[in-house]
């Protein structure tokens, strides 16, 4: 995860507090809900200039910071679809 992604994601996680955001951080546990996920999706599109494909708009993608980061990287073209397990 890079700093711009962390900076974009952090305001959507009211329960994060002073804890560091890691790839294993569970977004739901940190306060993410379906309404915030929609707002976050728009923020990702505007702030990072990517649009997540429909197949990535699911609970698994928004489960952890790392799973969301992997989807963003795929949308940026940094990871080939066949490399999803390694992302």
PDB file of N, CA and C in Angstrom:
ATOM      1  N   UNK A   1       0.849  -1.170   0.000  1.00  0.00           N
ATOM      2  CA  UNK A   1       0.000   0.000   0.000  1.00  0.00           C
ATOM      3  C   UNK A   1       0.896   1.234   0.000  1.00  0.00           C
ATOM      4  N   UNK A   2       0.506   2.204  -0.781  1.00  0.00           N
ATOM      5  CA  UNK A   2       1.291   3.428  -0.795  1.00  0.00           C
ATOM      6  C   UNK A   2       0.606   4.509   0.049  1.00  0.00           C
ATOM      7  N   UNK A   3       1.328   5.563   0.331  1.00  0.00           N
ATOM      8  CA  UNK A   3       0.820   6.600   1.224  1.00  0.00           C
ATOM      9  C   UNK A   3      -0.414   7.313   0.679  1.00  0.00           C
ATOM     10  N   UNK A   4      -0.480   7.640  -0.624  1.00  0.00           N
ATOM     11  CA  UNK A   4      -1.711   8.272  -1.116  1.00  0.00           C
ATOM     12  C   UNK A   4      -2.952   7.398  -0.889  1.00  0.00           C
ATOM     13  N   UNK A   5      -2.828   6.093  -1.056  1.00  0.00           N
ATOM     14  CA  UNK A   5      -3.955   5.189  -0.801  1.00  0.00           C
ATOM     15  C   UNK A   5      -4.319   5.193   0.685  1.00  0.00           C
ATOM     16  N   UNK A   6      -3.325   5.119   1.546  1.00  0.00           N
ATOM     17  CA  UNK A   6      -3.570   5.137   2.985  1.00  0.00           C
ATOM     18  C   UNK A   6      -4.233   6.452   3.399  1.00  0.00           C
ATOM     19  N   UNK A   7      -3.727   7.563   2.863  1.00  0.00           N
ATOM     20  CA  UNK A   7      -4.297   8.872   3.175  1.00  0.00           C
ATOM     21  C   UNK A   7      -5.744   8.982   2.706  1.00  0.00           C
ATOM     22  N   UNK A   8      -6.057   8.379   1.575  1.00  0.00           N
ATOM     23  CA  UNK A   8      -7.411   8.399   1.045  1.00  0.00           C
ATOM     24  C   UNK A   8      -8.338   7.514   1.872  1.00  0.00           C
ATOM     25  N   UNK A   9      -7.873   6.366   2.293  1.00  0.00           N
ATOM     26  CA  UNK A   9      -8.700   5.392   3.006  1.00  0.00           C
ATOM     27  C   UNK A   9      -8.952   5.773   4.461  1.00  0.00           C
ATOM     28  N   UNK A  10      -7.969   6.333   5.136  1.00  0.00           N
ATOM     29  CA  UNK A  10      -8.039   6.588   6.575  1.00  0.00           C
ATOM     30  C   UNK A  10      -9.279   7.369   7.020  1.00  0.00           C
ATOM     31  N   UNK A  11      -9.702   8.431   6.342  1.00  0.00           N
ATOM     32  CA  UNK A  11     -10.882   9.170   6.811  1.00  0.00           C
ATOM     33  C   UNK A  11     -12.179   8.350   6.808  1.00  0.00           C
ATOM     34  N   UNK A  12     -12.212   7.251   6.094  1.00  0.00           N
ATOM     35  CA  UNK A  12     -13.401   6.406   6.029  1.00  0.00           C
ATOM     36  C   UNK A  12     -13.429   5.362   7.150  1.00  0.00           C
ATOM     37  N   UNK A  13     -12.420   5.390   8.023  1.00  0.00           N
ATOM     38  CA  UNK A  13     -12.276   4.375   9.069  1.00  0.00           C
ATOM     39  C   UNK A  13     -12.283   5.033  10.449  1.00  0.00           C
ATOM     40  N   UNK A  14     -13.471   5.376  10.959  1.00  0.00           N
ATOM     41  CA  UNK A  14     -13.544   6.117  12.222  1.00  0.00           C
ATOM     42  C   UNK A  14     -13.025   5.346  13.435  1.00  0.00           C
ATOM     43  N   UNK A  15     -12.956   4.033  13.363  1.00  0.00           N
ATOM     44  CA  UNK A  15     -12.487   3.244  14.497  1.00  0.00           C
ATOM     45  C   UNK A  15     -10.996   2.938  14.436  1.00  0.00           C
ATOM     46  N   UNK A  16     -10.286   3.505  13.473  1.00  0.00           N
ATOM     47  CA  UNK A  16      -8.854   3.239  13.334  1.00  0.00           C
ATOM     48  C   UNK A  16      -8.068   3.832  14.498  1.00  0.00           C
ATOM     49  N   UNK A  17      -8.429   5.034  14.893  1.00  0.00           N
ATOM     50  CA  UNK A  17      -7.712   5.692  15.988  1.00  0.00           C
ATOM     51  C   UNK A  17      -6.254   5.904  15.643  1.00  0.00           C
ATOM     52  N   UNK A  18      -5.378   5.623  16.591  1.00  0.00           N
ATOM     53  CA  UNK A  18      -3.937   5.809  16.403  1.00  0.00           C
ATOM     54  C   UNK A  18      -3.240   4.566  15.883  1.00  0.00           C
ATOM     55  N   UNK A  19      -4.017   3.504  15.637  1.00  0.00           N
ATOM     56  CA  UNK A  19      -3.407   2.263  15.150  1.00  0.00           C
ATOM     57  C   UNK A  19      -2.925   2.441  13.712  1.00  0.00           C
ATOM     58  N   UNK A  20      -1.857   1.761  13.354  1.00  0.00           N
ATOM     59  CA  UNK A  20      -1.408   1.822  11.958  1.00  0.00           C
ATOM     60  C   UNK A  20      -2.342   1.009  11.062  1.00  0.00           C
ATOM     61  N   UNK A  21      -2.511   1.471   9.863  1.00  0.00           N
ATOM     62  CA  UNK A  21      -3.304   0.754   8.874  1.00  0.00           C
ATOM     63  C   UNK A  21      -2.383  -0.228   8.156  1.00  0.00           C
ATOM     64  N   UNK A  22      -2.719  -1.517   8.229  1.00  0.00           N
ATOM     65  CA  UNK A  22      -1.909  -2.542   7.575  1.00  0.00           C
ATOM     66  C   UNK A  22      -2.756  -3.247   6.520  1.00  0.00           C
ATOM     67  N   UNK A  23      -2.124  -4.066   5.717  1.00  0.00           N
ATOM     68  CA  UNK A  23      -2.858  -4.806   4.697  1.00  0.00           C
ATOM     69  C   UNK A  23      -3.875  -5.755   5.308  1.00  0.00           C
ATOM     70  N   UNK A  24      -3.638  -6.207   6.534  1.00  0.00           N
ATOM     71  CA  UNK A  24      -4.553  -7.123   7.208  1.00  0.00           C
ATOM     72  C   UNK A  24      -5.661  -6.420   7.984  1.00  0.00           C
ATOM     73  N   UNK A  25      -5.636  -5.090   8.021  1.00  0.00           N
ATOM     74  CA  UNK A  25      -6.664  -4.343   8.752  1.00  0.00           C
ATOM     75  C   UNK A  25      -8.034  -4.623   8.145  1.00  0.00           C
ATOM     76  N   UNK A  26      -8.956  -5.094   8.975  1.00  0.00           N
ATOM     77  CA  UNK A  26     -10.313  -5.424   8.529  1.00  0.00           C
ATOM     78  C   UNK A  26     -11.139  -4.147   8.504  1.00  0.00           C
ATOM     79  N   UNK A  27     -11.568  -3.750   7.319  1.00  0.00           N
ATOM     80  CA  UNK A  27     -12.234  -2.469   7.137  1.00  0.00           C
ATOM     81  C   UNK A  27     -13.541  -2.378   7.919  1.00  0.00           C
ATOM     82  N   UNK A  28     -14.317  -3.446   7.951  1.00  0.00           N
ATOM     83  CA  UNK A  28     -15.578  -3.430   8.689  1.00  0.00           C
ATOM     84  C   UNK A  28     -15.323  -3.179  10.176  1.00  0.00           C
ATOM     85  N   UNK A  29     -14.306  -3.807  10.728  1.00  0.00           N
ATOM     86  CA  UNK A  29     -13.969  -3.622  12.140  1.00  0.00           C
ATOM     87  C   UNK A  29     -13.540  -2.188  12.432  1.00  0.00           C
ATOM     88  N   UNK A  30     -13.044  -1.507  11.427  1.00  0.00           N
ATOM     89  CA  UNK A  30     -12.564  -0.137  11.595  1.00  0.00           C
ATOM     90  C   UNK A  30     -13.638   0.901  11.270  1.00  0.00           C
ATOM     91  N   UNK A  31     -14.868   0.443  11.024  1.00  0.00           N
ATOM     92  CA  UNK A  31     -15.982   1.367  10.834  1.00  0.00           C
ATOM     93  C   UNK A  31     -16.509   1.488   9.426  1.00  0.00           C
ATOM     94  N   UNK A  32     -15.965   0.715   8.501  1.00  0.00           N
ATOM     95  CA  UNK A  32     -16.461   0.762   7.125  1.00  0.00           C
ATOM     96  C   UNK A  32     -17.833   0.099   7.065  1.00  0.00           C
ATOM     97  N   UNK A  33     -18.766   0.753   6.397  1.00  0.00           N
ATOM     98  CA  UNK A  33     -20.085   0.173   6.151  1.00  0.00           C
ATOM     99  C   UNK A  33     -20.425   0.384   4.689  1.00  0.00           C
ATOM    100  N   UNK A  34     -21.570  -0.066   4.270  1.00  0.00           N
ATOM    101  CA  UNK A  34     -21.906  -0.009   2.844  1.00  0.00           C
ATOM    102  C   UNK A  34     -22.002   1.421   2.327  1.00  0.00           C
ATOM    103  N   UNK A  35     -22.504   2.326   3.127  1.00  0.00           N
ATOM    104  CA  UNK A  35     -22.595   3.723   2.683  1.00  0.00           C
ATOM    105  C   UNK A  35     -21.205   4.346   2.547  1.00  0.00           C
ATOM    106  N   UNK A  36     -20.333   4.067   3.501  1.00  0.00           N
ATOM    107  CA  UNK A  36     -18.967   4.585   3.413  1.00  0.00           C
ATOM    108  C   UNK A  36     -18.225   3.950   2.251  1.00  0.00           C
ATOM    109  N   UNK A  37     -18.522   2.693   1.963  1.00  0.00           N
ATOM    110  CA  UNK A  37     -17.864   2.015   0.846  1.00  0.00           C
ATOM    111  C   UNK A  37     -18.204   2.699  -0.475  1.00  0.00           C
ATOM    112  N   UNK A  38     -19.438   3.143  -0.616  1.00  0.00           N
ATOM    113  CA  UNK A  38     -19.830   3.854  -1.837  1.00  0.00           C
ATOM    114  C   UNK A  38     -19.079   5.176  -1.931  1.00  0.00           C
ATOM    115  N   UNK A  39     -19.042   5.918  -0.821  1.00  0.00           N
ATOM    116  CA  UNK A  39     -18.295   7.171  -0.816  1.00  0.00           C
ATOM    117  C   UNK A  39     -16.812   6.932  -1.088  1.00  0.00           C
ATOM    118  N   UNK A  40     -16.272   5.860  -0.512  1.00  0.00           N
ATOM    119  CA  UNK A  40     -14.871   5.516  -0.739  1.00  0.00           C
ATOM    120  C   UNK A  40     -14.623   5.180  -2.204  1.00  0.00           C
ATOM    121  N   UNK A  41     -15.545   4.487  -2.807  1.00  0.00           N
ATOM    122  CA  UNK A  41     -15.421   4.146  -4.222  1.00  0.00           C
ATOM    123  C   UNK A  41     -15.298   5.408  -5.075  1.00  0.00           C
ATOM    124  N   UNK A  42     -16.139   6.407  -4.793  1.00  0.00           N
ATOM    125  CA  UNK A  42     -16.050   7.686  -5.516  1.00  0.00           C
ATOM    126  C   UNK A  42     -14.726   8.381  -5.230  1.00  0.00           C
ATOM    127  N   UNK A  43     -14.262   8.316  -3.989  1.00  0.00           N
ATOM    128  CA  UNK A  43     -12.985   8.943  -3.629  1.00  0.00           C
ATOM    129  C   UNK A  43     -11.823   8.264  -4.346  1.00  0.00           C
ATOM    130  N   UNK A  44     -11.878   6.948  -4.466  1.00  0.00           N
ATOM    131  CA  UNK A  44     -10.832   6.217  -5.200  1.00  0.00           C
ATOM    132  C   UNK A  44     -10.829   6.646  -6.655  1.00  0.00           C
ATOM    133  N   UNK A  45     -12.009   6.744  -7.251  1.00  0.00           N
ATOM    134  CA  UNK A  45     -12.085   7.156  -8.654  1.00  0.00           C
ATOM    135  C   UNK A  45     -11.540   8.562  -8.845  1.00  0.00           C
ATOM    136  N   UNK A  46     -11.931   9.486  -7.960  1.00  0.00           N
ATOM    137  CA  UNK A  46     -11.489  10.871  -8.089  1.00  0.00           C
ATOM    138  C   UNK A  46     -10.028  11.052  -7.664  1.00  0.00           C
ATOM    139  N   UNK A  47      -9.667  10.462  -6.535  1.00  0.00           N
ATOM    140  CA  UNK A  47      -8.343  10.697  -5.975  1.00  0.00           C
ATOM    141  C   UNK A  47      -7.222   9.901  -6.603  1.00  0.00           C
ATOM    142  N   UNK A  48      -7.541   8.686  -7.047  1.00  0.00           N
ATOM    143  CA  UNK A  48      -6.497   7.830  -7.619  1.00  0.00           C
ATOM    144  C   UNK A  48      -6.648   7.650  -9.121  1.00  0.00           C
ATOM    145  N   UNK A  49      -7.749   8.157  -9.666  1.00  0.00           N
ATOM    146  CA  UNK A  49      -7.935   8.129 -11.109  1.00  0.00           C
ATOM    147  C   UNK A  49      -8.187   6.755 -11.686  1.00  0.00           C
ATOM    148  N   UNK A  50      -8.787   5.868 -10.892  1.00  0.00           N
ATOM    149  CA  UNK A  50      -9.107   4.534 -11.387  1.00  0.00           C
ATOM    150  C   UNK A  50     -10.568   4.223 -11.112  1.00  0.00           C
ATOM    151  N   UNK A  51     -11.105   3.337 -11.904  1.00  0.00           N
ATOM    152  CA  UNK A  51     -12.466   2.856 -11.713  1.00  0.00           C
ATOM    153  C   UNK A  51     -12.399   1.351 -11.494  1.00  0.00           C
ATOM    154  N   UNK A  52     -12.920   0.903 -10.361  1.00  0.00           N
ATOM    155  CA  UNK A  52     -12.906  -0.529 -10.092  1.00  0.00           C
ATOM    156  C   UNK A  52     -13.951  -1.218 -10.956  1.00  0.00           C
ATOM    157  N   UNK A  53     -13.594  -2.335 -11.574  1.00  0.00           N
ATOM    158  CA  UNK A  53     -14.560  -3.067 -12.392  1.00  0.00           C
ATOM    159  C   UNK A  53     -15.661  -3.678 -11.527  1.00  0.00           C
ATOM    160  N   UNK A  54     -16.800  -3.933 -12.137  1.00  0.00           N
ATOM    161  CA  UNK A  54     -17.949  -4.470 -11.418  1.00  0.00           C
ATOM    162  C   UNK A  54     -17.621  -5.738 -10.636  1.00  0.00           C
ATOM    163  N   UNK A  55     -16.774  -6.602 -11.174  1.00  0.00           N
ATOM    164  CA  UNK A  55     -16.473  -7.858 -10.480  1.00  0.00           C
ATOM    165  C   UNK A  55     -15.690  -7.636  -9.183  1.00  0.00           C
ATOM    166  N   UNK A  56     -15.133  -6.436  -8.997  1.00  0.00           N
ATOM    167  CA  UNK A  56     -14.416  -6.127  -7.757  1.00  0.00           C
ATOM    168  C   UNK A  56     -15.289  -5.389  -6.742  1.00  0.00           C
ATOM    169  N   UNK A  57     -16.528  -5.133  -7.080  1.00  0.00           N
ATOM    170  CA  UNK A  57     -17.426  -4.437  -6.153  1.00  0.00           C
ATOM    171  C   UNK A  57     -18.167  -5.466  -5.316  1.00  0.00           C
ATOM    172  N   UNK A  58     -17.446  -6.029  -4.351  1.00  0.00           N
ATOM    173  CA  UNK A  58     -18.006  -7.089  -3.516  1.00  0.00           C
ATOM    174  C   UNK A  58     -17.384  -7.038  -2.120  1.00  0.00           C
ATOM    175  N   UNK A  59     -17.937  -7.853  -1.230  1.00  0.00           N
ATOM    176  CA  UNK A  59     -17.471  -7.872   0.158  1.00  0.00           C
ATOM    177  C   UNK A  59     -16.009  -8.299   0.266  1.00  0.00           C
ATOM    178  N   UNK A  60     -15.570  -9.203  -0.583  1.00  0.00           N
ATOM    179  CA  UNK A  60     -14.186  -9.674  -0.505  1.00  0.00           C
ATOM    180  C   UNK A  60     -13.199  -8.545  -0.801  1.00  0.00           C
ATOM    181  N   UNK A  61     -13.506  -7.709  -1.776  1.00  0.00           N
ATOM    182  CA  UNK A  61     -12.630  -6.591  -2.120  1.00  0.00           C
ATOM    183  C   UNK A  61     -12.528  -5.610  -0.967  1.00  0.00           C
ATOM    184  N   UNK A  62     -13.649  -5.359  -0.293  1.00  0.00           N
ATOM    185  CA  UNK A  62     -13.684  -4.381   0.789  1.00  0.00           C
ATOM    186  C   UNK A  62     -13.472  -5.021   2.160  1.00  0.00           C
ATOM    187  N   UNK A  63     -12.952  -6.244   2.208  1.00  0.00           N
ATOM    188  CA  UNK A  63     -12.741  -6.939   3.483  1.00  0.00           C
ATOM    189  C   UNK A  63     -11.566  -6.355   4.262  1.00  0.00           C
ATOM    190  N   UNK A  64     -10.445  -6.170   3.600  1.00  0.00           N
ATOM    191  CA  UNK A  64      -9.249  -5.648   4.272  1.00  0.00           C
ATOM    192  C   UNK A  64      -8.656  -4.523   3.437  1.00  0.00           C
ATOM    193  N   UNK A  65      -7.781  -3.763   4.072  1.00  0.00           N
ATOM    194  CA  UNK A  65      -7.086  -2.707   3.340  1.00  0.00           C
ATOM    195  C   UNK A  65      -6.264  -3.315   2.201  1.00  0.00           C
ATOM    196  N   UNK A  66      -5.672  -4.475   2.452  1.00  0.00           N
ATOM    197  CA  UNK A  66      -4.860  -5.134   1.427  1.00  0.00           C
ATOM    198  C   UNK A  66      -5.668  -5.627   0.250  1.00  0.00           C
ATOM    199  N   UNK A  67      -6.862  -6.166   0.496  1.00  0.00           N
ATOM    200  CA  UNK A  67      -7.689  -6.648  -0.616  1.00  0.00           C
ATOM    201  C   UNK A  67      -8.180  -5.479  -1.459  1.00  0.00           C
ATOM    202  N   UNK A  68      -8.486  -4.362  -0.811  1.00  0.00           N
ATOM    203  CA  UNK A  68      -8.899  -3.179  -1.575  1.00  0.00           C
ATOM    204  C   UNK A  68      -7.721  -2.611  -2.352  1.00  0.00           C
ATOM    205  N   UNK A  69      -6.545  -2.588  -1.734  1.00  0.00           N
ATOM    206  CA  UNK A  69      -5.342  -2.115  -2.415  1.00  0.00           C
ATOM    207  C   UNK A  69      -5.043  -2.974  -3.649  1.00  0.00           C
ATOM    208  N   UNK A  70      -5.195  -4.284  -3.516  1.00  0.00           N
ATOM    209  CA  UNK A  70      -4.955  -5.185  -4.649  1.00  0.00           C
ATOM    210  C   UNK A  70      -5.914  -4.868  -5.795  1.00  0.00           C
ATOM    211  N   UNK A  71      -7.168  -4.587  -5.481  1.00  0.00           N
ATOM    212  CA  UNK A  71      -8.143  -4.243  -6.527  1.00  0.00           C
ATOM    213  C   UNK A  71      -7.778  -2.923  -7.192  1.00  0.00           C
ATOM    214  N   UNK A  72      -7.319  -1.967  -6.402  1.00  0.00           N
ATOM    215  CA  UNK A  72      -6.895  -0.677  -6.969  1.00  0.00           C
ATOM    216  C   UNK A  72      -5.699  -0.885  -7.887  1.00  0.00           C
ATOM    217  N   UNK A  73      -4.731  -1.673  -7.458  1.00  0.00           N
ATOM    218  CA  UNK A  73      -3.540  -1.938  -8.278  1.00  0.00           C
ATOM    219  C   UNK A  73      -3.915  -2.631  -9.587  1.00  0.00           C
ATOM    220  N   UNK A  74      -4.856  -3.589  -9.511  1.00  0.00           N
ATOM    221  CA  UNK A  74      -5.309  -4.246 -10.744  1.00  0.00           C
ATOM    222  C   UNK A  74      -5.960  -3.223 -11.670  1.00  0.00           C
ATOM    223  N   UNK A  75      -6.783  -2.343 -11.110  1.00  0.00           N
ATOM    224  CA  UNK A  75      -7.456  -1.328 -11.922  1.00  0.00           C
ATOM    225  C   UNK A  75      -6.456  -0.350 -12.533  1.00  0.00           C
ATOM    226  N   UNK A  76      -5.341  -0.144 -11.854  1.00  0.00           N
ATOM    227  CA  UNK A  76      -4.282   0.713 -12.385  1.00  0.00           C
ATOM    228  C   UNK A  76      -3.450  -0.005 -13.438  1.00  0.00           C
ATOM    229  N   UNK A  77      -3.675  -1.313 -13.569  1.00  0.00           N
ATOM    230  CA  UNK A  77      -2.920  -2.081 -14.542  1.00  0.00           C
ATOM    231  C   UNK A  77      -1.593  -2.578 -14.022  1.00  0.00           C
ATOM    232  N   UNK A  78      -1.365  -2.456 -12.718  1.00  0.00           N
ATOM    233  CA  UNK A  78      -0.085  -2.861 -12.137  1.00  0.00           C
ATOM    234  C   UNK A  78       0.008  -4.366 -11.923  1.00  0.00           C
ATOM    235  N   UNK A  79      -1.128  -5.036 -11.843  1.00  0.00           N
ATOM    236  CA  UNK A  79      -1.147  -6.473 -11.605  1.00  0.00           C
ATOM    237  C   UNK A  79      -2.043  -7.101 -12.657  1.00  0.00           C
ATOM    238  N   UNK A  80      -1.544  -8.088 -13.314  1.00  0.00           N
ATOM    239  CA  UNK A  80      -2.341  -8.796 -14.306  1.00  0.00           C
ATOM    240  C   UNK A  80      -3.432  -9.606 -13.618  1.00  0.00           C
ATOM    241  N   UNK A  81      -4.609  -9.775 -14.224  1.00  0.00           N
ATOM    242  CA  UNK A  81      -5.695 -10.540 -13.588  1.00  0.00           C
ATOM    243  C   UNK A  81      -5.280 -11.918 -13.130  1.00  0.00           C
ATOM    244  N   UNK A  82      -4.386 -12.598 -13.849  1.00  0.00           N
ATOM    245  CA  UNK A  82      -3.953 -13.938 -13.465  1.00  0.00           C
ATOM    246  C   UNK A  82      -3.071 -13.934 -12.225  1.00  0.00           C
ATOM    247  N   UNK A  83      -2.571 -12.755 -11.831  1.00  0.00           N
ATOM    248  CA  UNK A  83      -1.693 -12.637 -10.674  1.00  0.00           C
ATOM    249  C   UNK A  83      -2.454 -12.220  -9.419  1.00  0.00           C
ATOM    250  N   UNK A  84      -3.762 -12.328  -9.402  1.00  0.00           N
ATOM    251  CA  UNK A  84      -4.567 -11.865  -8.272  1.00  0.00           C
ATOM    252  C   UNK A  84      -4.174 -12.525  -6.967  1.00  0.00           C
ATOM    253  N   UNK A  85      -3.833 -13.781  -6.967  1.00  0.00           N
ATOM    254  CA  UNK A  85      -3.484 -14.469  -5.729  1.00  0.00           C
ATOM    255  C   UNK A  85      -2.199 -13.894  -5.134  1.00  0.00           C
ATOM    256  N   UNK A  86      -1.333 -13.393  -5.964  1.00  0.00           N
ATOM    257  CA  UNK A  86      -0.065 -12.861  -5.486  1.00  0.00           C
ATOM    258  C   UNK A  86      -0.174 -11.401  -5.063  1.00  0.00           C
ATOM    259  N   UNK A  87      -1.298 -10.747  -5.364  1.00  0.00           N
ATOM    260  CA  UNK A  87      -1.429  -9.310  -5.071  1.00  0.00           C
ATOM    261  C   UNK A  87      -1.628  -9.030  -3.614  1.00  0.00           C
TER     262      UNK A  87
END
